Amino acid sequence: MGKTMTIIAFDDDVRCLNANLNDPLARIARDYGLTAPIAPPVSDAPLAPGINLYPHEMTLTADGHAKLDQHWRANPIAKQLWLTEAETFGLFLSFWRDFYGSAIDGMDVKDHREAVCKIALYKVHLAEIAGDTREVRRLKAARTKMQKEFDQQRADERQLNAGIRRSLSPKRAKRDARLAFKEKYQPQRELLRRQYRRETVH
């Protein structure tokens, strides 16, 4: 018996998954037992100003929902931002697009770090509406900390790319820079790698 639930996700991520649902790399759909394309937004307006997060309905298999529940409870970003299960699926969808965007024809690559910061802003917006000033301060501090970490990652990535480009061919430089960056930040990305990255995708 399937589980129908309302998720909170970026509308462009939903459209990307639906357009590539039968692609072998649409692993997130099979991991969580998505039985049909995710439905269009159930509201006309985004859930937070300037952030294209919308509620969507989807149906998962019972086993797929159990796996999502397990991954939600274990995800460190979900814990840090106090994300619901519905919000965490939207986060995972952005992670999937980050890892597989360059490997699927016609799909734009998305940096999951930007998605994390936008979701943090969305949570700040909800806390402000609720009048929870303490939670607003906590979320803003968490977002600032993550933003600094992400900015450092990007700076390191640019430095690695520049150094390798000076000594290697463009194709090999791109590959080696990506591998060096992922190796350096493996502790932060290991959970995502284990869930969404196959060894055959480079």
N, C-alpha and C. Protein backbone atom coordinates (compact mmCIF):
# COMPACT_ATOMS: atom_id res chain seq x y z
N MET A 1 0.84 -1.20 0.00
CA MET A 1 0.00 0.00 0.00
C MET A 1 0.88 1.24 0.00
N GLY A 2 0.58 2.21 -0.89
CA GLY A 2 1.41 3.39 -1.01
C GLY A 2 1.12 4.42 0.06
N LYS A 3 2.04 5.33 0.21
CA LYS A 3 1.93 6.42 1.16
C LYS A 3 1.90 7.73 0.37
N THR A 4 0.77 8.44 0.40
CA THR A 4 0.66 9.74 -0.25
C THR A 4 0.98 10.82 0.77
N MET A 5 1.88 11.72 0.40
CA MET A 5 2.30 12.75 1.33
C MET A 5 2.54 14.06 0.59
N THR A 6 2.44 15.15 1.31
CA THR A 6 2.76 16.47 0.76
C THR A 6 4.20 16.80 1.10
N ILE A 7 4.98 17.11 0.09
CA ILE A 7 6.38 17.45 0.30
C ILE A 7 6.57 18.94 0.06
N ILE A 8 7.68 19.47 0.56
CA ILE A 8 8.07 20.86 0.32
C ILE A 8 9.34 20.80 -0.52
N ALA A 9 9.25 21.29 -1.76
CA ALA A 9 10.39 21.15 -2.67
C ALA A 9 10.48 22.34 -3.62
N PHE A 10 11.67 22.54 -4.16
CA PHE A 10 11.86 23.56 -5.17
C PHE A 10 11.16 23.11 -6.45
N ASP A 11 10.37 23.99 -7.02
CA ASP A 11 9.56 23.63 -8.18
C ASP A 11 10.43 23.20 -9.36
N ASP A 12 11.58 23.84 -9.56
CA ASP A 12 12.44 23.45 -10.68
C ASP A 12 13.04 22.07 -10.47
N ASP A 13 13.32 21.69 -9.22
CA ASP A 13 13.82 20.34 -8.94
C ASP A 13 12.75 19.29 -9.26
N VAL A 14 11.51 19.59 -8.89
CA VAL A 14 10.42 18.66 -9.18
C VAL A 14 10.27 18.46 -10.68
N ARG A 15 10.32 19.56 -11.43
CA ARG A 15 10.18 19.45 -12.89
C ARG A 15 11.33 18.66 -13.50
N CYS A 16 12.53 18.84 -12.97
CA CYS A 16 13.68 18.08 -13.47
C CYS A 16 13.51 16.58 -13.23
N LEU A 17 13.06 16.20 -12.03
CA LEU A 17 12.87 14.79 -11.74
C LEU A 17 11.76 14.20 -12.60
N ASN A 18 10.64 14.90 -12.70
CA ASN A 18 9.52 14.39 -13.49
C ASN A 18 9.92 14.19 -14.95
N ALA A 19 10.74 15.10 -15.48
CA ALA A 19 11.14 15.03 -16.89
C ALA A 19 12.11 13.88 -17.13
N ASN A 20 12.76 13.40 -16.08
CA ASN A 20 13.77 12.35 -16.23
C ASN A 20 13.45 11.12 -15.37
N LEU A 21 12.19 10.92 -15.09
CA LEU A 21 11.78 9.88 -14.15
C LEU A 21 12.22 8.49 -14.59
N ASN A 22 12.28 8.24 -15.90
CA ASN A 22 12.64 6.92 -16.40
C ASN A 22 14.13 6.78 -16.68
N ASP A 23 14.89 7.84 -16.43
CA ASP A 23 16.34 7.77 -16.64
C ASP A 23 16.96 6.86 -15.57
N PRO A 24 17.94 6.03 -15.95
CA PRO A 24 18.58 5.16 -14.95
C PRO A 24 19.19 5.93 -13.78
N LEU A 25 19.53 7.20 -14.01
CA LEU A 25 20.14 7.98 -12.94
C LEU A 25 19.12 8.67 -12.04
N ALA A 26 17.84 8.49 -12.31
CA ALA A 26 16.81 9.06 -11.43
C ALA A 26 16.66 8.14 -10.22
N ARG A 27 17.76 7.96 -9.54
CA ARG A 27 17.84 6.97 -8.47
C ARG A 27 16.96 7.31 -7.28
N ILE A 28 16.79 8.60 -7.02
CA ILE A 28 15.99 9.01 -5.87
C ILE A 28 14.56 8.49 -5.99
N ALA A 29 14.04 8.41 -7.23
CA ALA A 29 12.68 7.92 -7.44
C ALA A 29 12.57 6.44 -7.05
N ARG A 30 13.60 5.68 -7.37
CA ARG A 30 13.57 4.24 -7.05
C ARG A 30 13.94 3.99 -5.58
N ASP A 31 14.85 4.81 -5.05
CA ASP A 31 15.22 4.64 -3.64
C ASP A 31 14.02 4.77 -2.72
N TYR A 32 13.15 5.72 -3.05
CA TYR A 32 12.00 5.99 -2.18
C TYR A 32 10.68 5.50 -2.75
N GLY A 33 10.76 4.72 -3.82
CA GLY A 33 9.55 4.07 -4.33
C GLY A 33 8.52 5.02 -4.87
N LEU A 34 8.97 6.05 -5.60
CA LEU A 34 8.02 6.99 -6.20
C LEU A 34 7.22 6.26 -7.27
N THR A 35 5.91 6.24 -7.12
CA THR A 35 5.07 5.42 -8.00
C THR A 35 4.54 6.16 -9.22
N ALA A 36 4.68 7.50 -9.23
CA ALA A 36 4.19 8.32 -10.34
C ALA A 36 4.90 9.67 -10.27
N PRO A 37 4.83 10.48 -11.32
CA PRO A 37 5.42 11.82 -11.25
C PRO A 37 4.87 12.61 -10.07
N ILE A 38 5.71 13.48 -9.52
CA ILE A 38 5.27 14.35 -8.44
C ILE A 38 4.25 15.35 -9.00
N ALA A 39 3.19 15.59 -8.26
CA ALA A 39 2.11 16.45 -8.73
C ALA A 39 2.55 17.92 -8.77
N PRO A 40 1.87 18.74 -9.58
CA PRO A 40 2.16 20.17 -9.61
C PRO A 40 1.93 20.80 -8.24
N PRO A 41 2.42 22.01 -8.03
CA PRO A 41 2.22 22.66 -6.73
C PRO A 41 0.74 22.75 -6.36
N VAL A 42 0.46 22.59 -5.09
CA VAL A 42 -0.93 22.68 -4.64
C VAL A 42 -1.29 24.10 -4.22
N SER A 43 -0.34 25.03 -4.36
CA SER A 43 -0.61 26.44 -4.10
C SER A 43 0.01 27.28 -5.20
N ASP A 44 -0.54 28.46 -5.43
CA ASP A 44 -0.04 29.33 -6.48
C ASP A 44 1.17 30.15 -6.03
N ALA A 45 1.26 30.43 -4.77
CA ALA A 45 2.34 31.28 -4.25
C ALA A 45 3.39 30.43 -3.55
N PRO A 46 4.67 30.83 -3.63
CA PRO A 46 5.72 30.10 -2.89
C PRO A 46 5.51 30.23 -1.39
N LEU A 47 6.14 29.34 -0.65
CA LEU A 47 5.95 29.32 0.80
C LEU A 47 6.74 30.41 1.52
N ALA A 48 7.70 31.00 0.84
CA ALA A 48 8.46 32.12 1.40
C ALA A 48 8.80 33.09 0.27
N PRO A 49 8.80 34.37 0.53
CA PRO A 49 9.06 35.36 -0.52
C PRO A 49 10.42 35.13 -1.19
N GLY A 50 10.42 35.11 -2.52
CA GLY A 50 11.67 35.01 -3.26
C GLY A 50 12.31 33.64 -3.27
N ILE A 51 11.64 32.63 -2.72
CA ILE A 51 12.19 31.28 -2.68
C ILE A 51 11.16 30.34 -3.31
N ASN A 52 11.54 29.64 -4.39
CA ASN A 52 10.54 28.87 -5.14
C ASN A 52 10.27 27.49 -4.52
N LEU A 53 10.01 27.50 -3.23
CA LEU A 53 9.59 26.29 -2.52
C LEU A 53 8.06 26.22 -2.53
N TYR A 54 7.54 25.07 -2.95
CA TYR A 54 6.09 24.88 -3.02
C TYR A 54 5.71 23.53 -2.42
N PRO A 55 4.48 23.40 -1.95
CA PRO A 55 3.99 22.08 -1.55
C PRO A 55 3.56 21.27 -2.77
N HIS A 56 3.99 20.03 -2.82
CA HIS A 56 3.62 19.10 -3.89
C HIS A 56 3.16 17.80 -3.26
N GLU A 57 2.30 17.09 -3.93
CA GLU A 57 1.88 15.77 -3.45
C GLU A 57 2.60 14.69 -4.25
N MET A 58 2.95 13.62 -3.57
CA MET A 58 3.57 12.47 -4.22
C MET A 58 3.17 11.21 -3.48
N THR A 59 3.33 10.08 -4.15
CA THR A 59 3.00 8.78 -3.54
C THR A 59 4.22 7.88 -3.59
N LEU A 60 4.58 7.32 -2.44
CA LEU A 60 5.71 6.41 -2.30
C LEU A 60 5.21 5.03 -1.90
N THR A 61 6.01 4.03 -2.19
CA THR A 61 5.71 2.70 -1.67
C THR A 61 5.94 2.71 -0.16
N ALA A 62 5.40 1.72 0.52
CA ALA A 62 5.57 1.65 1.98
C ALA A 62 7.04 1.50 2.33
N ASP A 63 7.76 0.66 1.58
CA ASP A 63 9.19 0.47 1.84
C ASP A 63 9.97 1.75 1.56
N GLY A 64 9.59 2.44 0.48
CA GLY A 64 10.26 3.68 0.15
C GLY A 64 10.05 4.75 1.20
N HIS A 65 8.84 4.82 1.73
CA HIS A 65 8.57 5.80 2.78
C HIS A 65 9.33 5.46 4.05
N ALA A 66 9.44 4.19 4.35
CA ALA A 66 10.20 3.79 5.54
C ALA A 66 11.68 4.18 5.39
N LYS A 67 12.21 4.06 4.17
CA LYS A 67 13.60 4.45 3.93
C LYS A 67 13.76 5.96 4.04
N LEU A 68 12.79 6.71 3.50
CA LEU A 68 12.84 8.16 3.62
C LEU A 68 12.81 8.59 5.09
N ASP A 69 11.96 7.96 5.85
CA ASP A 69 11.86 8.27 7.28
C ASP A 69 13.19 8.02 7.98
N GLN A 70 13.85 6.92 7.62
CA GLN A 70 15.14 6.58 8.22
C GLN A 70 16.20 7.62 7.84
N HIS A 71 16.25 7.98 6.57
CA HIS A 71 17.25 8.95 6.11
C HIS A 71 16.99 10.34 6.68
N TRP A 72 15.72 10.69 6.81
CA TRP A 72 15.37 11.98 7.41
C TRP A 72 15.89 12.08 8.84
N ARG A 73 15.66 11.06 9.62
CA ARG A 73 16.07 11.07 11.02
C ARG A 73 17.59 11.09 11.19
N ALA A 74 18.32 10.58 10.17
CA ALA A 74 19.77 10.51 10.27
C ALA A 74 20.48 11.70 9.64
N ASN A 75 19.79 12.50 8.85
CA ASN A 75 20.45 13.56 8.10
C ASN A 75 20.87 14.72 9.01
N PRO A 76 22.14 15.11 9.00
CA PRO A 76 22.61 16.17 9.91
C PRO A 76 22.04 17.54 9.59
N ILE A 77 21.81 17.84 8.32
CA ILE A 77 21.25 19.15 7.97
C ILE A 77 19.80 19.24 8.43
N ALA A 78 19.06 18.15 8.27
CA ALA A 78 17.67 18.12 8.75
C ALA A 78 17.62 18.34 10.26
N LYS A 79 18.58 17.77 10.97
CA LYS A 79 18.63 17.95 12.42
C LYS A 79 18.97 19.40 12.77
N GLN A 80 19.93 19.97 12.04
CA GLN A 80 20.37 21.31 12.36
C GLN A 80 19.29 22.35 12.11
N LEU A 81 18.53 22.17 11.02
CA LEU A 81 17.49 23.14 10.67
C LEU A 81 16.11 22.72 11.16
N TRP A 82 16.03 21.58 11.85
CA TRP A 82 14.76 21.05 12.34
C TRP A 82 13.76 20.89 11.19
N LEU A 83 14.21 20.24 10.13
CA LEU A 83 13.34 20.03 8.98
C LEU A 83 12.35 18.92 9.24
N THR A 84 11.17 19.05 8.67
CA THR A 84 10.20 17.97 8.70
C THR A 84 10.59 16.92 7.65
N GLU A 85 9.94 15.80 7.69
CA GLU A 85 10.18 14.77 6.67
C GLU A 85 9.86 15.30 5.28
N ALA A 86 8.79 16.08 5.16
CA ALA A 86 8.39 16.65 3.88
C ALA A 86 9.43 17.61 3.35
N GLU A 87 9.99 18.43 4.22
CA GLU A 87 11.02 19.38 3.81
C GLU A 87 12.32 18.67 3.46
N THR A 88 12.61 17.58 4.18
CA THR A 88 13.85 16.85 3.94
C THR A 88 13.84 16.17 2.58
N PHE A 89 12.68 15.70 2.12
CA PHE A 89 12.65 15.13 0.77
C PHE A 89 13.00 16.19 -0.26
N GLY A 90 12.50 17.42 -0.08
CA GLY A 90 12.86 18.50 -0.99
C GLY A 90 14.36 18.76 -0.97
N LEU A 91 14.97 18.68 0.21
CA LEU A 91 16.41 18.83 0.34
C LEU A 91 17.13 17.72 -0.43
N PHE A 92 16.68 16.48 -0.24
CA PHE A 92 17.29 15.35 -0.94
C PHE A 92 17.16 15.49 -2.45
N LEU A 93 16.05 16.06 -2.90
CA LEU A 93 15.84 16.25 -4.33
C LEU A 93 16.89 17.21 -4.90
N SER A 94 17.23 18.25 -4.14
CA SER A 94 18.29 19.16 -4.57
C SER A 94 19.65 18.47 -4.56
N PHE A 95 19.89 17.62 -3.57
CA PHE A 95 21.14 16.86 -3.53
C PHE A 95 21.25 15.97 -4.78
N TRP A 96 20.15 15.30 -5.11
CA TRP A 96 20.15 14.41 -6.30
C TRP A 96 20.48 15.20 -7.55
N ARG A 97 19.88 16.36 -7.70
CA ARG A 97 20.13 17.16 -8.91
C ARG A 97 21.58 17.64 -8.96
N ASP A 98 22.16 17.94 -7.80
CA ASP A 98 23.56 18.35 -7.74
C ASP A 98 24.46 17.21 -8.24
N PHE A 99 24.24 16.00 -7.75
CA PHE A 99 25.12 14.88 -8.09
C PHE A 99 24.94 14.40 -9.52
N TYR A 100 23.72 14.42 -10.04
CA TYR A 100 23.46 13.82 -11.34
C TYR A 100 23.17 14.83 -12.45
N GLY A 101 23.09 16.12 -12.09
CA GLY A 101 22.72 17.11 -13.09
C GLY A 101 23.62 17.13 -14.31
N SER A 102 24.93 16.96 -14.11
CA SER A 102 25.86 17.01 -15.24
C SER A 102 25.86 15.73 -16.05
N ALA A 103 25.24 14.68 -15.52
CA ALA A 103 25.26 13.39 -16.21
C ALA A 103 23.99 13.11 -16.99
N ILE A 104 22.96 13.91 -16.80
CA ILE A 104 21.68 13.71 -17.49
C ILE A 104 21.52 14.80 -18.54
N ASP A 105 21.33 14.38 -19.77
CA ASP A 105 21.22 15.33 -20.88
C ASP A 105 20.08 16.33 -20.65
N GLY A 106 20.38 17.59 -20.85
CA GLY A 106 19.36 18.62 -20.77
C GLY A 106 19.05 19.13 -19.38
N MET A 107 19.68 18.57 -18.35
CA MET A 107 19.40 19.02 -16.99
C MET A 107 20.45 20.03 -16.54
N ASP A 108 20.00 21.15 -16.01
CA ASP A 108 20.92 22.14 -15.47
C ASP A 108 21.46 21.66 -14.13
N VAL A 109 22.74 21.90 -13.92
CA VAL A 109 23.36 21.53 -12.64
C VAL A 109 22.93 22.52 -11.56
N LYS A 110 22.73 22.02 -10.37
CA LYS A 110 22.34 22.87 -9.23
C LYS A 110 23.28 22.61 -8.07
N ASP A 111 23.72 23.68 -7.44
CA ASP A 111 24.58 23.56 -6.27
C ASP A 111 23.71 23.35 -5.04
N HIS A 112 23.82 22.19 -4.42
CA HIS A 112 22.95 21.89 -3.28
C HIS A 112 23.21 22.83 -2.10
N ARG A 113 24.39 23.45 -2.08
CA ARG A 113 24.70 24.37 -0.99
C ARG A 113 23.79 25.60 -1.03
N GLU A 114 23.49 26.06 -2.23
CA GLU A 114 22.55 27.18 -2.36
C GLU A 114 21.16 26.77 -1.90
N ALA A 115 20.78 25.53 -2.22
CA ALA A 115 19.47 25.04 -1.80
C ALA A 115 19.37 24.99 -0.27
N VAL A 116 20.44 24.53 0.38
CA VAL A 116 20.44 24.46 1.85
C VAL A 116 20.23 25.84 2.45
N CYS A 117 20.93 26.84 1.93
CA CYS A 117 20.80 28.20 2.48
C CYS A 117 19.41 28.77 2.23
N LYS A 118 18.83 28.46 1.08
CA LYS A 118 17.47 28.94 0.80
C LYS A 118 16.44 28.27 1.71
N ILE A 119 16.63 26.98 1.97
CA ILE A 119 15.74 26.29 2.88
C ILE A 119 15.86 26.87 4.29
N ALA A 120 17.08 27.24 4.68
CA ALA A 120 17.28 27.87 5.99
C ALA A 120 16.52 29.20 6.06
N LEU A 121 16.56 29.98 4.97
CA LEU A 121 15.81 31.24 4.94
C LEU A 121 14.30 30.99 5.03
N TYR A 122 13.85 29.94 4.36
CA TYR A 122 12.43 29.57 4.43
C TYR A 122 12.04 29.23 5.87
N LYS A 123 12.91 28.51 6.58
CA LYS A 123 12.61 28.17 7.98
C LYS A 123 12.62 29.43 8.86
N VAL A 124 13.51 30.36 8.56
CA VAL A 124 13.51 31.64 9.28
C VAL A 124 12.18 32.36 9.07
N HIS A 125 11.72 32.35 7.83
CA HIS A 125 10.44 33.00 7.51
C HIS A 125 9.29 32.38 8.31
N LEU A 126 9.26 31.06 8.41
CA LEU A 126 8.21 30.39 9.18
C LEU A 126 8.29 30.77 10.66
N ALA A 127 9.51 30.82 11.18
CA ALA A 127 9.68 31.17 12.59
C ALA A 127 9.26 32.61 12.85
N GLU A 128 9.54 33.51 11.90
CA GLU A 128 9.12 34.90 12.05
C GLU A 128 7.60 35.02 12.05
N ILE A 129 6.94 34.27 11.16
CA ILE A 129 5.48 34.29 11.12
C ILE A 129 4.90 33.79 12.45
N ALA A 130 5.56 32.76 13.01
CA ALA A 130 5.09 32.19 14.28
C ALA A 130 5.43 33.08 15.48
N GLY A 131 6.25 34.11 15.26
CA GLY A 131 6.64 34.98 16.35
C GLY A 131 7.65 34.36 17.30
N ASP A 132 8.38 33.35 16.84
CA ASP A 132 9.35 32.64 17.68
C ASP A 132 10.73 33.29 17.49
N THR A 133 10.98 34.34 18.25
CA THR A 133 12.23 35.09 18.07
C THR A 133 13.47 34.27 18.42
N ARG A 134 13.33 33.39 19.38
CA ARG A 134 14.46 32.55 19.76
C ARG A 134 14.84 31.61 18.61
N GLU A 135 13.84 31.03 17.95
CA GLU A 135 14.10 30.14 16.84
C GLU A 135 14.65 30.92 15.64
N VAL A 136 14.17 32.13 15.45
CA VAL A 136 14.69 32.98 14.37
C VAL A 136 16.20 33.20 14.57
N ARG A 137 16.59 33.53 15.78
CA ARG A 137 18.02 33.75 16.07
C ARG A 137 18.82 32.47 15.86
N ARG A 138 18.28 31.34 16.31
CA ARG A 138 19.00 30.07 16.16
C ARG A 138 19.20 29.72 14.69
N LEU A 139 18.14 29.86 13.90
CA LEU A 139 18.22 29.52 12.48
C LEU A 139 19.14 30.46 11.71
N LYS A 140 19.08 31.75 12.05
CA LYS A 140 19.96 32.70 11.37
C LYS A 140 21.42 32.39 11.68
N ALA A 141 21.70 32.02 12.93
CA ALA A 141 23.07 31.67 13.30
C ALA A 141 23.52 30.40 12.58
N ALA A 142 22.63 29.42 12.48
CA ALA A 142 22.96 28.19 11.77
C ALA A 142 23.21 28.46 10.30
N ARG A 143 22.39 29.31 9.69
CA ARG A 143 22.58 29.62 8.27
C ARG A 143 23.89 30.37 8.05
N THR A 144 24.20 31.31 8.92
CA THR A 144 25.46 32.05 8.79
C THR A 144 26.66 31.12 8.88
N LYS A 145 26.60 30.17 9.81
CA LYS A 145 27.70 29.22 9.95
C LYS A 145 27.84 28.35 8.71
N MET A 146 26.72 27.84 8.18
CA MET A 146 26.77 27.02 6.98
C MET A 146 27.26 27.82 5.78
N GLN A 147 26.79 29.07 5.68
CA GLN A 147 27.20 29.92 4.55
C GLN A 147 28.71 30.13 4.56
N LYS A 148 29.30 30.36 5.74
CA LYS A 148 30.75 30.53 5.83
C LYS A 148 31.48 29.25 5.42
N GLU A 149 30.96 28.11 5.84
CA GLU A 149 31.58 26.84 5.46
C GLU A 149 31.49 26.62 3.96
N PHE A 150 30.33 26.93 3.38
CA PHE A 150 30.15 26.76 1.94
C PHE A 150 31.04 27.71 1.15
N ASP A 151 31.17 28.96 1.63
CA ASP A 151 32.03 29.92 0.95
C ASP A 151 33.48 29.44 0.96
N GLN A 152 33.91 28.86 2.08
CA GLN A 152 35.27 28.34 2.16
C GLN A 152 35.45 27.16 1.20
N GLN A 153 34.45 26.31 1.11
CA GLN A 153 34.51 25.19 0.18
C GLN A 153 34.66 25.68 -1.26
N ARG A 154 33.88 26.70 -1.62
CA ARG A 154 33.95 27.24 -2.98
C ARG A 154 35.32 27.87 -3.25
N ALA A 155 35.86 28.57 -2.25
CA ALA A 155 37.18 29.18 -2.41
C ALA A 155 38.24 28.11 -2.61
N ASP A 156 38.16 27.05 -1.82
CA ASP A 156 39.11 25.94 -1.97
C ASP A 156 38.95 25.27 -3.33
N GLU A 157 37.70 25.14 -3.76
CA GLU A 157 37.44 24.52 -5.05
C GLU A 157 38.04 25.35 -6.19
N ARG A 158 37.87 26.66 -6.12
CA ARG A 158 38.44 27.53 -7.15
C ARG A 158 39.97 27.45 -7.17
N GLN A 159 40.56 27.38 -5.98
CA GLN A 159 42.02 27.30 -5.89
C GLN A 159 42.53 25.98 -6.47
N LEU A 160 41.84 24.90 -6.15
CA LEU A 160 42.21 23.61 -6.71
C LEU A 160 42.09 23.60 -8.22
N ASN A 161 41.01 24.15 -8.72
CA ASN A 161 40.80 24.20 -10.17
C ASN A 161 41.89 25.00 -10.86
N ALA A 162 42.22 26.16 -10.29
CA ALA A 162 43.23 27.03 -10.90
C ALA A 162 44.59 26.35 -10.92
N GLY A 163 44.95 25.72 -9.83
CA GLY A 163 46.26 25.07 -9.75
C GLY A 163 46.38 23.91 -10.72
N ILE A 164 45.34 23.12 -10.80
CA ILE A 164 45.41 21.94 -11.67
C ILE A 164 45.36 22.34 -13.14
N ARG A 165 44.60 23.39 -13.46
CA ARG A 165 44.49 23.83 -14.85
C ARG A 165 45.84 24.27 -15.41
N ARG A 166 46.71 24.77 -14.52
CA ARG A 166 48.00 25.25 -14.98
C ARG A 166 48.93 24.12 -15.41
N SER A 167 48.65 22.91 -14.93
CA SER A 167 49.59 21.82 -15.20
C SER A 167 49.00 20.66 -15.98
N LEU A 168 47.68 20.63 -16.17
CA LEU A 168 47.06 19.49 -16.82
C LEU A 168 46.17 19.93 -17.97
N SER A 169 45.79 18.97 -18.78
CA SER A 169 44.85 19.25 -19.86
C SER A 169 43.50 19.64 -19.27
N PRO A 170 42.68 20.40 -20.00
CA PRO A 170 41.38 20.85 -19.45
C PRO A 170 40.49 19.70 -18.98
N LYS A 171 40.43 18.62 -19.75
CA LYS A 171 39.54 17.51 -19.37
C LYS A 171 40.02 16.84 -18.10
N ARG A 172 41.32 16.57 -18.04
CA ARG A 172 41.86 15.91 -16.85
C ARG A 172 41.84 16.84 -15.65
N ALA A 173 42.06 18.14 -15.91
CA ALA A 173 42.04 19.10 -14.81
C ALA A 173 40.67 19.14 -14.14
N LYS A 174 39.62 19.15 -14.94
CA LYS A 174 38.28 19.20 -14.39
C LYS A 174 38.00 17.96 -13.55
N ARG A 175 38.40 16.79 -14.07
CA ARG A 175 38.17 15.55 -13.34
C ARG A 175 38.95 15.52 -12.04
N ASP A 176 40.24 15.88 -12.08
CA ASP A 176 41.08 15.81 -10.90
C ASP A 176 40.68 16.86 -9.85
N ALA A 177 40.26 18.03 -10.32
CA ALA A 177 39.82 19.05 -9.37
C ALA A 177 38.58 18.59 -8.63
N ARG A 178 37.66 17.96 -9.35
CA ARG A 178 36.44 17.47 -8.72
C ARG A 178 36.76 16.38 -7.71
N LEU A 179 37.65 15.48 -8.07
CA LEU A 179 37.99 14.38 -7.16
C LEU A 179 38.73 14.90 -5.93
N ALA A 180 39.63 15.87 -6.12
CA ALA A 180 40.37 16.41 -4.99
C ALA A 180 39.45 17.15 -4.03
N PHE A 181 38.50 17.88 -4.58
CA PHE A 181 37.55 18.61 -3.75
C PHE A 181 36.67 17.66 -2.95
N LYS A 182 36.16 16.63 -3.61
CA LYS A 182 35.28 15.69 -2.92
C LYS A 182 36.04 14.91 -1.85
N GLU A 183 37.32 14.63 -2.12
CA GLU A 183 38.10 13.91 -1.12
C GLU A 183 38.32 14.77 0.13
N LYS A 184 38.57 16.08 -0.10
CA LYS A 184 38.80 16.98 1.03
C LYS A 184 37.56 17.13 1.89
N TYR A 185 36.39 17.18 1.23
CA TYR A 185 35.15 17.41 1.98
C TYR A 185 34.31 16.14 2.11
N GLN A 186 34.96 15.00 2.03
CA GLN A 186 34.23 13.73 2.12
C GLN A 186 33.44 13.59 3.42
N PRO A 187 33.98 14.00 4.58
CA PRO A 187 33.19 13.83 5.82
C PRO A 187 31.83 14.52 5.75
N GLN A 188 31.78 15.74 5.15
CA GLN A 188 30.50 16.44 5.09
C GLN A 188 29.56 15.84 4.06
N ARG A 189 30.11 15.23 3.01
CA ARG A 189 29.26 14.78 1.91
C ARG A 189 29.07 13.26 1.87
N GLU A 190 29.64 12.56 2.84
CA GLU A 190 29.62 11.10 2.77
C GLU A 190 28.21 10.53 2.76
N LEU A 191 27.34 11.09 3.60
CA LEU A 191 25.97 10.58 3.64
C LEU A 191 25.29 10.74 2.29
N LEU A 192 25.49 11.88 1.66
CA LEU A 192 24.88 12.13 0.35
C LEU A 192 25.49 11.21 -0.71
N ARG A 193 26.81 11.04 -0.67
CA ARG A 193 27.47 10.15 -1.61
C ARG A 193 26.91 8.74 -1.51
N ARG A 194 26.71 8.28 -0.27
CA ARG A 194 26.24 6.92 -0.05
C ARG A 194 24.82 6.73 -0.57
N GLN A 195 24.03 7.80 -0.52
CA GLN A 195 22.63 7.69 -0.93
C GLN A 195 22.42 7.90 -2.42
N TYR A 196 23.20 8.79 -3.03
CA TYR A 196 22.84 9.23 -4.37
C TYR A 196 23.93 9.09 -5.45
N ARG A 197 25.14 8.67 -5.10
CA ARG A 197 26.20 8.64 -6.10
C ARG A 197 26.64 7.22 -6.39
N ARG A 198 26.60 6.82 -7.65
CA ARG A 198 27.10 5.52 -8.07
C ARG A 198 28.56 5.69 -8.51
N GLU A 199 29.37 4.63 -8.32
CA GLU A 199 30.76 4.71 -8.68
C GLU A 199 30.99 4.90 -10.17
N THR A 200 29.99 4.58 -10.98
CA THR A 200 30.15 4.70 -12.43
C THR A 200 29.95 6.11 -12.93
N VAL A 201 29.49 7.03 -12.06
CA VAL A 201 29.24 8.41 -12.47
C VAL A 201 30.45 9.26 -12.06
N HIS A 202 31.05 9.92 -13.00
CA HIS A 202 32.22 10.75 -12.74
C HIS A 202 31.99 12.15 -13.28
